[in-house]
PDB file of all heavy atoms in Angstrom:
ATOM      1  N   MET A   1      30.168-135.039 117.343  1.00  0.00           N
ATOM      2  CA  MET A   1      29.672-134.727 118.656  1.00  0.00           C
ATOM      3  C   MET A   1      28.010-134.889 118.630  1.00  0.00           C
ATOM      4  O   MET A   1      27.459-135.337 119.590  1.00  0.00           O
ATOM      5  CB  MET A   1      30.007-133.265 118.904  1.00  0.00           C
ATOM      6  CG  MET A   1      31.540-133.028 119.184  1.00  0.00           C
ATOM      7  SD  MET A   1      31.877-131.348 119.598  1.00  0.00           S
ATOM      8  CE  MET A   1      31.291-130.443 118.077  1.00  0.00           C
ATOM      9  N   ILE A   2      27.363-134.481 117.593  1.00  0.00           N
ATOM     10  CA  ILE A   2      25.925-134.408 117.604  1.00  0.00           C
ATOM     11  C   ILE A   2      25.463-135.576 116.790  1.00  0.00           C
ATOM     12  O   ILE A   2      25.549-135.555 115.602  1.00  0.00           O
ATOM     13  CB  ILE A   2      25.424-133.083 116.994  1.00  0.00           C
ATOM     14  CG1 ILE A   2      25.983-131.828 117.683  1.00  0.00           C
ATOM     15  CG2 ILE A   2      23.876-133.022 117.008  1.00  0.00           C
ATOM     16  CD1 ILE A   2      25.797-130.573 117.042  1.00  0.00           C
ATOM     17  N   SER A   3      24.756-136.453 117.450  1.00  0.00           N
ATOM     18  CA  SER A   3      24.195-137.668 116.705  1.00  0.00           C
ATOM     19  C   SER A   3      22.915-137.181 115.881  1.00  0.00           C
ATOM     20  O   SER A   3      22.083-136.516 116.339  1.00  0.00           O
ATOM     21  CB  SER A   3      23.638-138.594 117.804  1.00  0.00           C
ATOM     22  OG  SER A   3      23.027-139.696 117.114  1.00  0.00           O
ATOM     23  N   LEU A   4      23.105-137.612 114.598  1.00  0.00           N
ATOM     24  CA  LEU A   4      21.903-137.349 113.686  1.00  0.00           C
ATOM     25  C   LEU A   4      20.945-138.500 113.657  1.00  0.00           C
ATOM     26  O   LEU A   4      19.950-138.512 112.828  1.00  0.00           O
ATOM     27  CB  LEU A   4      22.500-137.126 112.325  1.00  0.00           C
ATOM     28  CG  LEU A   4      23.303-135.854 112.180  1.00  0.00           C
ATOM     29  CD1 LEU A   4      23.816-135.652 110.751  1.00  0.00           C
ATOM     30  CD2 LEU A   4      22.596-134.502 112.582  1.00  0.00           C
ATOM     31  N   ARG A   5      21.036-139.448 114.549  1.00  0.00           N
ATOM     32  CA  ARG A   5      20.083-140.669 114.441  1.00  0.00           C
ATOM     33  C   ARG A   5      18.675-140.301 114.798  1.00  0.00           C
ATOM     34  O   ARG A   5      17.810-140.731 114.122  1.00  0.00           O
ATOM     35  CB  ARG A   5      20.760-141.808 115.310  1.00  0.00           C
ATOM     36  CG  ARG A   5      21.949-142.361 114.936  1.00  0.00           C
ATOM     37  CD  ARG A   5      22.433-143.553 115.804  1.00  0.00           C
ATOM     38  NE  ARG A   5      23.791-144.015 115.421  1.00  0.00           N
ATOM     39  CZ  ARG A   5      24.882-143.572 115.755  1.00  0.00           C
ATOM     40  NH1 ARG A   5      24.933-142.478 116.518  1.00  0.00           N
ATOM     41  NH2 ARG A   5      26.117-144.044 115.338  1.00  0.00           N
ATOM     42  N   PRO A   6      18.480-139.389 115.882  1.00  0.00           N
ATOM     43  CA  PRO A   6      17.042-139.045 116.053  1.00  0.00           C
ATOM     44  C   PRO A   6      16.593-138.175 114.851  1.00  0.00           C
ATOM     45  O   PRO A   6      17.161-137.311 114.354  1.00  0.00           O
ATOM     46  CB  PRO A   6      17.251-138.120 117.296  1.00  0.00           C
ATOM     47  CG  PRO A   6      18.482-138.556 117.989  1.00  0.00           C
ATOM     48  CD  PRO A   6      19.366-138.921 116.789  1.00  0.00           C
ATOM     49  N   ASP A   7      15.296-138.483 114.513  1.00  0.00           N
ATOM     50  CA  ASP A   7      14.656-137.780 113.402  1.00  0.00           C
ATOM     51  C   ASP A   7      14.678-136.324 113.563  1.00  0.00           C
ATOM     52  O   ASP A   7      14.852-135.537 112.565  1.00  0.00           O
ATOM     53  CB  ASP A   7      13.274-138.269 113.187  1.00  0.00           C
ATOM     54  CG  ASP A   7      13.298-139.652 112.505  1.00  0.00           C
ATOM     55  OD1 ASP A   7      14.317-140.047 111.977  1.00  0.00           O
ATOM     56  OD2 ASP A   7      12.257-140.299 112.568  1.00  0.00           O
ATOM     57  N   ASN A   8      14.379-135.838 114.778  1.00  0.00           N
ATOM     58  CA  ASN A   8      14.279-134.294 115.022  1.00  0.00           C
ATOM     59  C   ASN A   8      15.527-133.730 114.806  1.00  0.00           C
ATOM     60  O   ASN A   8      15.608-132.514 114.362  1.00  0.00           O
ATOM     61  CB  ASN A   8      13.803-134.131 116.458  1.00  0.00           C
ATOM     62  CG  ASN A   8      12.127-134.298 116.412  1.00  0.00           C
ATOM     63  OD1 ASN A   8      11.548-134.565 115.423  1.00  0.00           O
ATOM     64  ND2 ASN A   8      11.584-134.216 117.547  1.00  0.00           N
ATOM     65  N   THR A   9      16.671-134.280 115.289  1.00  0.00           N
ATOM     66  CA  THR A   9      17.862-133.642 115.138  1.00  0.00           C
ATOM     67  C   THR A   9      18.320-133.619 113.754  1.00  0.00           C
ATOM     68  O   THR A   9      18.861-132.585 113.227  1.00  0.00           O
ATOM     69  CB  THR A   9      19.139-134.503 115.893  1.00  0.00           C
ATOM     70  OG1 THR A   9      18.682-134.678 117.342  1.00  0.00           O
ATOM     71  CG2 THR A   9      20.345-133.797 115.856  1.00  0.00           C
ATOM     72  N   MET A  10      18.128-134.665 112.976  1.00  0.00           N
ATOM     73  CA  MET A  10      18.307-134.697 111.546  1.00  0.00           C
ATOM     74  C   MET A  10      17.533-133.639 110.806  1.00  0.00           C
ATOM     75  O   MET A  10      17.959-133.014 109.851  1.00  0.00           O
ATOM     76  CB  MET A  10      18.152-136.114 110.898  1.00  0.00           C
ATOM     77  CG  MET A  10      18.584-136.184 109.511  1.00  0.00           C
ATOM     78  SD  MET A  10      20.320-136.168 109.237  1.00  0.00           S
ATOM     79  CE  MET A  10      20.392-135.885 107.519  1.00  0.00           C
ATOM     80  N   TYR A  11      16.232-133.557 111.319  1.00  0.00           N
ATOM     81  CA  TYR A  11      15.365-132.588 110.660  1.00  0.00           C
ATOM     82  C   TYR A  11      15.805-131.271 110.785  1.00  0.00           C
ATOM     83  O   TYR A  11      15.786-130.506 109.734  1.00  0.00           O
ATOM     84  CB  TYR A  11      13.969-132.696 111.429  1.00  0.00           C
ATOM     85  CG  TYR A  11      13.058-131.603 110.855  1.00  0.00           C
ATOM     86  CD1 TYR A  11      12.229-131.871 109.775  1.00  0.00           C
ATOM     87  CD2 TYR A  11      12.858-130.605 111.616  1.00  0.00           C
ATOM     88  CE1 TYR A  11      11.293-130.905 109.404  1.00  0.00           C
ATOM     89  CE2 TYR A  11      11.845-129.660 111.190  1.00  0.00           C
ATOM     90  CZ  TYR A  11      11.145-129.747 110.065  1.00  0.00           C
ATOM     91  OH  TYR A  11      10.248-128.828 109.696  1.00  0.00           O
ATOM     92  N   TYR A  12      16.322-130.804 111.820  1.00  0.00           N
ATOM     93  CA  TYR A  12      16.759-129.388 111.978  1.00  0.00           C
ATOM     94  C   TYR A  12      18.123-129.144 111.203  1.00  0.00           C
ATOM     95  O   TYR A  12      18.209-128.082 110.806  1.00  0.00           O
ATOM     96  CB  TYR A  12      16.807-128.940 113.506  1.00  0.00           C
ATOM     97  CG  TYR A  12      15.507-128.881 114.064  1.00  0.00           C
ATOM     98  CD1 TYR A  12      14.954-129.620 115.013  1.00  0.00           C
ATOM     99  CD2 TYR A  12      14.672-127.683 113.680  1.00  0.00           C
ATOM    100  CE1 TYR A  12      13.684-129.452 115.518  1.00  0.00           C
ATOM    101  CE2 TYR A  12      13.357-127.482 114.267  1.00  0.00           C
ATOM    102  CZ  TYR A  12      12.929-128.400 115.080  1.00  0.00           C
ATOM    103  OH  TYR A  12      11.636-128.217 115.726  1.00  0.00           O
ATOM    104  N   PHE A  13      18.761-130.136 111.098  1.00  0.00           N
ATOM    105  CA  PHE A  13      20.068-130.060 110.334  1.00  0.00           C
ATOM    106  C   PHE A  13      19.732-129.828 108.853  1.00  0.00           C
ATOM    107  O   PHE A  13      20.247-128.972 108.093  1.00  0.00           O
ATOM    108  CB  PHE A  13      20.914-131.315 110.438  1.00  0.00           C
ATOM    109  CG  PHE A  13      22.074-131.331 109.474  1.00  0.00           C
ATOM    110  CD1 PHE A  13      23.159-130.459 109.739  1.00  0.00           C
ATOM    111  CD2 PHE A  13      22.192-132.296 108.478  1.00  0.00           C
ATOM    112  CE1 PHE A  13      24.238-130.514 108.815  1.00  0.00           C
ATOM    113  CE2 PHE A  13      23.214-132.399 107.593  1.00  0.00           C
ATOM    114  CZ  PHE A  13      24.340-131.452 107.861  1.00  0.00           C
ATOM    115  N   VAL A  14      18.745-130.597 108.301  1.00  0.00           N
ATOM    116  CA  VAL A  14      18.287-130.492 106.929  1.00  0.00           C
ATOM    117  C   VAL A  14      17.610-129.059 106.643  1.00  0.00           C
ATOM    118  O   VAL A  14      17.884-128.400 105.684  1.00  0.00           O
ATOM    119  CB  VAL A  14      17.324-131.658 106.514  1.00  0.00           C
ATOM    120  CG1 VAL A  14      16.622-131.358 105.173  1.00  0.00           C
ATOM    121  CG2 VAL A  14      17.978-132.985 106.564  1.00  0.00           C
ATOM    122  N   VAL A  15      16.778-128.659 107.607  1.00  0.00           N
ATOM    123  CA  VAL A  15      16.287-127.265 107.475  1.00  0.00           C
ATOM    124  C   VAL A  15      17.337-126.250 107.455  1.00  0.00           C
ATOM    125  O   VAL A  15      17.207-125.316 106.628  1.00  0.00           O
ATOM    126  CB  VAL A  15      15.220-126.983 108.806  1.00  0.00           C
ATOM    127  CG1 VAL A  15      14.823-125.597 108.771  1.00  0.00           C
ATOM    128  CG2 VAL A  15      14.138-127.832 108.612  1.00  0.00           C
ATOM    129  N   ALA A  16      18.290-126.342 108.313  1.00  0.00           N
ATOM    130  CA  ALA A  16      19.399-125.210 108.323  1.00  0.00           C
ATOM    131  C   ALA A  16      20.050-125.387 106.948  1.00  0.00           C
ATOM    132  O   ALA A  16      20.412-124.267 106.421  1.00  0.00           O
ATOM    133  CB  ALA A  16      20.397-125.605 109.453  1.00  0.00           C
ATOM    134  N   VAL A  17      20.428-126.512 106.386  1.00  0.00           N
ATOM    135  CA  VAL A  17      21.102-126.572 105.098  1.00  0.00           C
ATOM    136  C   VAL A  17      20.211-125.955 103.992  1.00  0.00           C
ATOM    137  O   VAL A  17      20.707-125.241 103.227  1.00  0.00           O
ATOM    138  CB  VAL A  17      21.492-127.918 104.755  1.00  0.00           C
ATOM    139  CG1 VAL A  17      22.069-128.101 103.475  1.00  0.00           C
ATOM    140  CG2 VAL A  17      22.460-128.524 105.864  1.00  0.00           C
ATOM    141  N   PHE A  18      18.888-126.435 104.038  1.00  0.00           N
ATOM    142  CA  PHE A  18      18.026-125.855 102.963  1.00  0.00           C
ATOM    143  C   PHE A  18      17.917-124.364 102.999  1.00  0.00           C
ATOM    144  O   PHE A  18      17.912-123.679 101.931  1.00  0.00           O
ATOM    145  CB  PHE A  18      16.661-126.531 103.150  1.00  0.00           C
ATOM    146  CG  PHE A  18      15.676-125.912 102.136  1.00  0.00           C
ATOM    147  CD1 PHE A  18      15.545-126.325 100.947  1.00  0.00           C
ATOM    148  CD2 PHE A  18      14.802-124.981 102.666  1.00  0.00           C
ATOM    149  CE1 PHE A  18      14.721-125.696  99.983  1.00  0.00           C
ATOM    150  CE2 PHE A  18      13.760-124.432 101.887  1.00  0.00           C
ATOM    151  CZ  PHE A  18      13.814-124.859 100.562  1.00  0.00           C
ATOM    152  N   VAL A  19      17.763-123.712 104.190  1.00  0.00           N
ATOM    153  CA  VAL A  19      17.532-122.318 104.311  1.00  0.00           C
ATOM    154  C   VAL A  19      18.818-121.678 103.819  1.00  0.00           C
ATOM    155  O   VAL A  19      18.758-120.660 103.120  1.00  0.00           O
ATOM    156  CB  VAL A  19      17.190-121.953 105.824  1.00  0.00           C
ATOM    157  CG1 VAL A  19      17.295-120.292 106.058  1.00  0.00           C
ATOM    158  CG2 VAL A  19      15.832-122.478 106.157  1.00  0.00           C
ATOM    159  N   LEU A  20      20.019-122.067 104.233  1.00  0.00           N
ATOM    160  CA  LEU A  20      21.224-121.498 103.817  1.00  0.00           C
ATOM    161  C   LEU A  20      21.401-121.539 102.314  1.00  0.00           C
ATOM    162  O   LEU A  20      21.902-120.594 101.707  1.00  0.00           O
ATOM    163  CB  LEU A  20      22.415-122.211 104.450  1.00  0.00           C
ATOM    164  CG  LEU A  20      22.585-121.833 106.068  1.00  0.00           C
ATOM    165  CD1 LEU A  20      23.740-122.790 106.662  1.00  0.00           C
ATOM    166  CD2 LEU A  20      22.892-120.410 106.344  1.00  0.00           C
ATOM    167  N   CYS A  21      21.032-122.692 101.683  1.00  0.00           N
ATOM    168  CA  CYS A  21      21.177-122.802 100.332  1.00  0.00           C
ATOM    169  C   CYS A  21      20.290-121.966  99.542  1.00  0.00           C
ATOM    170  O   CYS A  21      20.558-121.431  98.461  1.00  0.00           O
ATOM    171  CB  CYS A  21      20.948-124.246  99.831  1.00  0.00           C
ATOM    172  SG  CYS A  21      22.382-125.393 100.401  1.00  0.00           S
ATOM    173  N   PHE A  22      18.920-121.901 100.029  1.00  0.00           N
ATOM    174  CA  PHE A  22      17.986-121.010  99.561  1.00  0.00           C
ATOM    175  C   PHE A  22      18.425-119.487  99.467  1.00  0.00           C
ATOM    176  O   PHE A  22      18.232-118.747  98.458  1.00  0.00           O
ATOM    177  CB  PHE A  22      16.583-121.148 100.241  1.00  0.00           C
ATOM    178  CG  PHE A  22      15.511-120.464  99.518  1.00  0.00           C
ATOM    179  CD1 PHE A  22      14.670-120.971  98.526  1.00  0.00           C
ATOM    180  CD2 PHE A  22      15.101-119.154  99.989  1.00  0.00           C
ATOM    181  CE1 PHE A  22      13.643-120.395  97.999  1.00  0.00           C
ATOM    182  CE2 PHE A  22      14.158-118.437  99.457  1.00  0.00           C
ATOM    183  CZ  PHE A  22      13.373-119.145  98.412  1.00  0.00           C
ATOM    184  N   LEU A  23      19.065-119.110 100.596  1.00  0.00           N
ATOM    185  CA  LEU A  23      19.491-117.823 100.678  1.00  0.00           C
ATOM    186  C   LEU A  23      20.719-117.561  99.725  1.00  0.00           C
ATOM    187  O   LEU A  23      20.809-116.513  99.152  1.00  0.00           O
ATOM    188  CB  LEU A  23      19.953-117.388 102.031  1.00  0.00           C
ATOM    189  CG  LEU A  23      18.859-117.318 103.194  1.00  0.00           C
ATOM    190  CD1 LEU A  23      19.323-117.173 104.526  1.00  0.00           C
ATOM    191  CD2 LEU A  23      17.901-116.282 102.820  1.00  0.00           C
ATOM    192  N   PHE A  24      21.461-118.618  99.655  1.00  0.00           N
ATOM    193  CA  PHE A  24      22.772-118.597  98.733  1.00  0.00           C
ATOM    194  C   PHE A  24      22.256-118.342  97.288  1.00  0.00           C
ATOM    195  O   PHE A  24      22.768-117.568  96.555  1.00  0.00           O
ATOM    196  CB  PHE A  24      23.425-119.797  98.899  1.00  0.00           C
ATOM    197  CG  PHE A  24      24.671-119.921  97.961  1.00  0.00           C
ATOM    198  CD1 PHE A  24      25.700-118.918  98.037  1.00  0.00           C
ATOM    199  CD2 PHE A  24      24.850-120.999  96.953  1.00  0.00           C
ATOM    200  CE1 PHE A  24      26.913-119.083  97.098  1.00  0.00           C
ATOM    201  CE2 PHE A  24      25.795-121.033  96.181  1.00  0.00           C
ATOM    202  CZ  PHE A  24      26.856-119.993  96.244  1.00  0.00           C
ATOM    203  N   ILE A  25      21.206-119.196  96.871  1.00  0.00           N
ATOM    204  CA  ILE A  25      20.725-119.056  95.542  1.00  0.00           C
ATOM    205  C   ILE A  25      19.997-117.598  95.310  1.00  0.00           C
ATOM    206  O   ILE A  25      20.327-117.065  94.219  1.00  0.00           O
ATOM    207  CB  ILE A  25      19.657-120.171  95.245  1.00  0.00           C
ATOM    208  CG1 ILE A  25      20.438-121.475  95.201  1.00  0.00           C
ATOM    209  CG2 ILE A  25      18.963-119.900  93.877  1.00  0.00           C
ATOM    210  CD1 ILE A  25      19.320-122.663  95.074  1.00  0.00           C
ATOM    211  N   THR A  26      19.378-117.096  96.205  1.00  0.00           N
ATOM    212  CA  THR A  26      18.826-115.829  96.145  1.00  0.00           C
ATOM    213  C   THR A  26      19.800-114.771  95.925  1.00  0.00           C
ATOM    214  O   THR A  26      19.757-113.914  95.158  1.00  0.00           O
ATOM    215  CB  THR A  26      17.968-115.471  97.487  1.00  0.00           C
ATOM    216  OG1 THR A  26      16.971-116.493  97.550  1.00  0.00           O
ATOM    217  CG2 THR A  26      17.259-114.175  97.276  1.00  0.00           C
ATOM    218  N   ARG A  27      20.873-114.972  96.688  1.00  0.00           N
ATOM    219  CA  ARG A  27      22.087-113.925  96.611  1.00  0.00           C
ATOM    220  C   ARG A  27      22.752-113.994  95.214  1.00  0.00           C
ATOM    221  O   ARG A  27      23.096-113.064  94.591  1.00  0.00           O
ATOM    222  CB  ARG A  27      22.988-114.247  97.710  1.00  0.00           C
ATOM    223  CG  ARG A  27      24.225-113.211  97.669  1.00  0.00           C
ATOM    224  CD  ARG A  27      23.909-111.934  98.146  1.00  0.00           C
ATOM    225  NE  ARG A  27      24.915-111.071  98.092  1.00  0.00           N
ATOM    226  CZ  ARG A  27      25.086-110.202  97.079  1.00  0.00           C
ATOM    227  NH1 ARG A  27      24.289-110.201  96.027  1.00  0.00           N
ATOM    228  NH2 ARG A  27      26.006-109.386  97.025  1.00  0.00           N
ATOM    229  N   ILE A  28      22.897-115.318  94.703  1.00  0.00           N
ATOM    230  CA  ILE A  28      23.561-115.390  93.393  1.00  0.00           C
ATOM    231  C   ILE A  28      22.654-114.732  92.320  1.00  0.00           C
ATOM    232  O   ILE A  28      23.235-113.992  91.555  1.00  0.00           O
ATOM    233  CB  ILE A  28      23.745-116.968  93.080  1.00  0.00           C
ATOM    234  CG1 ILE A  28      24.711-117.552  93.915  1.00  0.00           C
ATOM    235  CG2 ILE A  28      23.988-117.128  91.659  1.00  0.00           C
ATOM    236  CD1 ILE A  28      24.778-119.146  93.744  1.00  0.00           C
ATOM    237  N   VAL A  29      21.272-114.914  92.369  1.00  0.00           N
ATOM    238  CA  VAL A  29      20.476-114.403  91.359  1.00  0.00           C
ATOM    239  C   VAL A  29      20.366-112.855  91.421  1.00  0.00           C
ATOM    240  O   VAL A  29      20.379-112.234  90.359  1.00  0.00           O
ATOM    241  CB  VAL A  29      19.101-115.010  91.488  1.00  0.00           C
ATOM    242  CG1 VAL A  29      18.059-114.195  90.575  1.00  0.00           C
ATOM    243  CG2 VAL A  29      19.109-116.504  91.218  1.00  0.00           C
ATOM    244  N   ASN A  30      20.482-112.307  92.615  1.00  0.00           N
ATOM    245  CA  ASN A  30      20.504-110.877  92.763  1.00  0.00           C
ATOM    246  C   ASN A  30      21.766-110.079  92.686  1.00  0.00           C
ATOM    247  O   ASN A  30      21.774-108.994  92.818  1.00  0.00           O
ATOM    248  CB  ASN A  30      19.818-110.507  94.097  1.00  0.00           C
ATOM    249  CG  ASN A  30      18.333-110.869  94.140  1.00  0.00           C
ATOM    250  OD1 ASN A  30      17.590-110.875  93.158  1.00  0.00           O
ATOM    251  ND2 ASN A  30      17.876-111.398  95.325  1.00  0.00           N
ATOM    252  N   SER A  31      22.802-110.974  92.447  1.00  0.00           N
ATOM    253  CA  SER A  31      24.066-110.367  92.282  1.00  0.00           C
ATOM    254  C   SER A  31      24.423-109.910  90.858  1.00  0.00           C
ATOM    255  O   SER A  31      23.612-110.334  89.947  1.00  0.00           O
ATOM    256  CB  SER A  31      25.269-111.333  92.674  1.00  0.00           C
ATOM    257  OG  SER A  31      25.359-112.382  91.822  1.00  0.00           O
TER     258      SER A  31
END
């Protein structure tokens, strides 16, 4: 549904993935 061809759309997708993974790593380390 959501085209990732525009740089800005792809950008916010990458930011979302990075933030979620960063929080995931933080949770792992503090567990």
